[in-house]
Amino acid sequence: MSMPLWEPGKLAAFYKEKKLDETGFLRWEDQQDHSLPQDFADYLGWKEMACKKRNHSISLYQKQNKDSIIISLLGIGGQAGALKYYGKQKEFLPIM
């Protein structure tokens, strides 16, 4: 029931149909009820964020000395996890 198997719109409709919006299951840390659970909503946009970070890193690498090291300092563990997970996918590997 809490495993996101569908896209956000379909998942939100399912939660509403099953009346999970009345149980507190969809309450976030702001104490408001939302259409998706917070842990699922927090993952939205990770792939795009990782792609932007990768593209930025590549552009810096190409402009600077090829021996440079690019270090990302992230205050949110989820963002670091997104970069680690999506950064290994073929479409994000730099072409040099």
C-alpha atoms as a PDB file:
ATOM      1  CA  MET A   1       0.000   0.000   0.000  1.00  0.00           C
ATOM      2  CA  SER A   2       2.878   2.386   0.658  1.00  0.00           C
ATOM      3  CA  MET A   3       5.069   1.149  -2.183  1.00  0.00           C
ATOM      4  CA  PRO A   4       4.920   3.634  -5.086  1.00  0.00           C
ATOM      5  CA  LEU A   5       4.170   1.477  -8.127  1.00  0.00           C
ATOM      6  CA  TRP A   6       2.497   4.095 -10.308  1.00  0.00           C
ATOM      7  CA  GLU A   7       3.169   7.619 -11.523  1.00  0.00           C
ATOM      8  CA  PRO A   8       2.258  10.375  -9.020  1.00  0.00           C
ATOM      9  CA  GLY A   9      -1.205  11.239 -10.405  1.00  0.00           C
ATOM     10  CA  LYS A  10      -2.438   7.646 -10.458  1.00  0.00           C
ATOM     11  CA  LEU A  11      -0.959   6.973  -7.031  1.00  0.00           C
ATOM     12  CA  ALA A  12      -2.656  10.057  -5.547  1.00  0.00           C
ATOM     13  CA  ALA A  13      -6.017   8.950  -7.018  1.00  0.00           C
ATOM     14  CA  PHE A  14      -5.544   5.463  -5.529  1.00  0.00           C
ATOM     15  CA  TYR A  15      -4.813   6.885  -2.059  1.00  0.00           C
ATOM     16  CA  LYS A  16      -7.910   9.091  -2.285  1.00  0.00           C
ATOM     17  CA  GLU A  17     -10.095   6.193  -3.501  1.00  0.00           C
ATOM     18  CA  LYS A  18      -8.925   4.008  -0.606  1.00  0.00           C
ATOM     19  CA  LYS A  19      -9.511   6.953   1.789  1.00  0.00           C
ATOM     20  CA  LEU A  20      -5.908   6.941   2.943  1.00  0.00           C
ATOM     21  CA  ASP A  21      -6.086  10.721   2.891  1.00  0.00           C
ATOM     22  CA  GLU A  22      -8.265  10.416   6.022  1.00  0.00           C
ATOM     23  CA  THR A  23      -5.833   8.258   8.024  1.00  0.00           C
ATOM     24  CA  GLY A  24      -2.853  10.563   8.532  1.00  0.00           C
ATOM     25  CA  PHE A  25      -0.795   8.408   6.156  1.00  0.00           C
ATOM     26  CA  LEU A  26      -0.350  11.389   3.851  1.00  0.00           C
ATOM     27  CA  ARG A  27       0.616  13.880   6.568  1.00  0.00           C
ATOM     28  CA  TRP A  28       4.025  15.462   6.052  1.00  0.00           C
ATOM     29  CA  GLU A  29       6.409  17.034   8.532  1.00  0.00           C
ATOM     30  CA  ASP A  30       4.593  20.364   7.979  1.00  0.00           C
ATOM     31  CA  GLN A  31       1.573  18.660   9.634  1.00  0.00           C
ATOM     32  CA  GLN A  32      -0.505  19.096   6.457  1.00  0.00           C
ATOM     33  CA  ASP A  33      -2.104  16.298   4.464  1.00  0.00           C
ATOM     34  CA  HIS A  34      -0.873  16.068   0.863  1.00  0.00           C
ATOM     35  CA  SER A  35      -1.800  13.876  -2.101  1.00  0.00           C
ATOM     36  CA  LEU A  36       1.396  11.751  -1.875  1.00  0.00           C
ATOM     37  CA  PRO A  37       3.396  10.417   1.068  1.00  0.00           C
ATOM     38  CA  GLN A  38       6.358  12.663   1.842  1.00  0.00           C
ATOM     39  CA  ASP A  39       8.993   9.968   1.352  1.00  0.00           C
ATOM     40  CA  PHE A  40       7.704   9.340  -2.185  1.00  0.00           C
ATOM     41  CA  ALA A  41       7.296  13.008  -3.070  1.00  0.00           C
ATOM     42  CA  ASP A  42      10.832  13.687  -1.892  1.00  0.00           C
ATOM     43  CA  TYR A  43      12.164  11.449  -4.686  1.00  0.00           C
ATOM     44  CA  LEU A  44      10.522  13.454  -7.478  1.00  0.00           C
ATOM     45  CA  GLY A  45      13.066  15.364  -9.535  1.00  0.00           C
ATOM     46  CA  TRP A  46      16.122  13.358  -8.433  1.00  0.00           C
ATOM     47  CA  LYS A  47      16.929  12.110 -11.920  1.00  0.00           C
ATOM     48  CA  GLU A  48      16.763  15.633 -13.356  1.00  0.00           C
ATOM     49  CA  MET A  49      18.870  17.008 -10.502  1.00  0.00           C
ATOM     50  CA  ALA A  50      21.536  14.347 -11.054  1.00  0.00           C
ATOM     51  CA  CYS A  51      21.561  15.051 -14.799  1.00  0.00           C
ATOM     52  CA  LYS A  52      22.037  18.797 -14.225  1.00  0.00           C
ATOM     53  CA  LYS A  53      24.848  18.140 -11.752  1.00  0.00           C
ATOM     54  CA  ARG A  54      26.558  15.763 -14.176  1.00  0.00           C
ATOM     55  CA  ASN A  55      26.272  18.235 -17.072  1.00  0.00           C
ATOM     56  CA  HIS A  56      27.625  21.061 -14.917  1.00  0.00           C
ATOM     57  CA  SER A  57      30.544  18.920 -13.778  1.00  0.00           C
ATOM     58  CA  ILE A  58      31.357  17.976 -17.373  1.00  0.00           C
ATOM     59  CA  SER A  59      31.307  21.617 -18.492  1.00  0.00           C
ATOM     60  CA  LEU A  60      33.658  22.587 -15.639  1.00  0.00           C
ATOM     61  CA  TYR A  61      35.937  19.661 -16.443  1.00  0.00           C
ATOM     62  CA  GLN A  62      36.145  20.649 -20.095  1.00  0.00           C
ATOM     63  CA  LYS A  63      36.909  24.312 -19.258  1.00  0.00           C
ATOM     64  CA  GLN A  64      39.471  23.612 -16.562  1.00  0.00           C
ATOM     65  CA  ASN A  65      42.611  21.558 -16.346  1.00  0.00           C
ATOM     66  CA  LYS A  66      41.780  17.915 -17.047  1.00  0.00           C
ATOM     67  CA  ASP A  67      43.550  17.016 -13.794  1.00  0.00           C
ATOM     68  CA  SER A  68      41.011  18.957 -11.714  1.00  0.00           C
ATOM     69  CA  ILE A  69      38.837  17.184  -9.172  1.00  0.00           C
ATOM     70  CA  ILE A  70      35.225  18.252  -8.726  1.00  0.00           C
ATOM     71  CA  ILE A  71      33.819  17.741  -5.241  1.00  0.00           C
ATOM     72  CA  SER A  72      30.140  18.129  -4.391  1.00  0.00           C
ATOM     73  CA  LEU A  73      29.199  19.026  -0.859  1.00  0.00           C
ATOM     74  CA  LEU A  74      25.578  18.200  -0.174  1.00  0.00           C
ATOM     75  CA  GLY A  75      23.732  18.821   3.057  1.00  0.00           C
ATOM     76  CA  ILE A  76      20.941  16.393   2.184  1.00  0.00           C
ATOM     77  CA  GLY A  77      21.746  12.675   2.112  1.00  0.00           C
ATOM     78  CA  GLY A  78      19.006  11.982  -0.409  1.00  0.00           C
ATOM     79  CA  GLN A  79      20.628  14.237  -2.974  1.00  0.00           C
ATOM     80  CA  ALA A  80      23.953  12.475  -2.542  1.00  0.00           C
ATOM     81  CA  GLY A  81      22.149   9.158  -2.996  1.00  0.00           C
ATOM     82  CA  ALA A  82      20.491  10.425  -6.184  1.00  0.00           C
ATOM     83  CA  LEU A  83      23.835  11.466  -7.629  1.00  0.00           C
ATOM     84  CA  LYS A  84      25.363   8.125  -6.739  1.00  0.00           C
ATOM     85  CA  TYR A  85      22.448   6.120  -8.163  1.00  0.00           C
ATOM     86  CA  TYR A  86      21.684   8.098 -11.325  1.00  0.00           C
ATOM     87  CA  GLY A  87      25.299   9.094 -11.938  1.00  0.00           C
ATOM     88  CA  LYS A  88      26.138   5.491 -12.818  1.00  0.00           C
ATOM     89  CA  GLN A  89      23.572   5.269 -15.601  1.00  0.00           C
ATOM     90  CA  LYS A  90      24.887   5.285 -19.168  1.00  0.00           C
ATOM     91  CA  GLU A  91      23.020   8.386 -20.301  1.00  0.00           C
ATOM     92  CA  PHE A  92      24.849  10.425 -17.656  1.00  0.00           C
ATOM     93  CA  LEU A  93      28.368   9.214 -18.420  1.00  0.00           C
ATOM     94  CA  PRO A  94      30.537  11.929 -19.946  1.00  0.00           C
ATOM     95  CA  ILE A  95      31.656  11.624 -23.552  1.00  0.00           C
ATOM     96  CA  MET A  96      35.286  12.794 -23.800  1.00  0.00           C
END
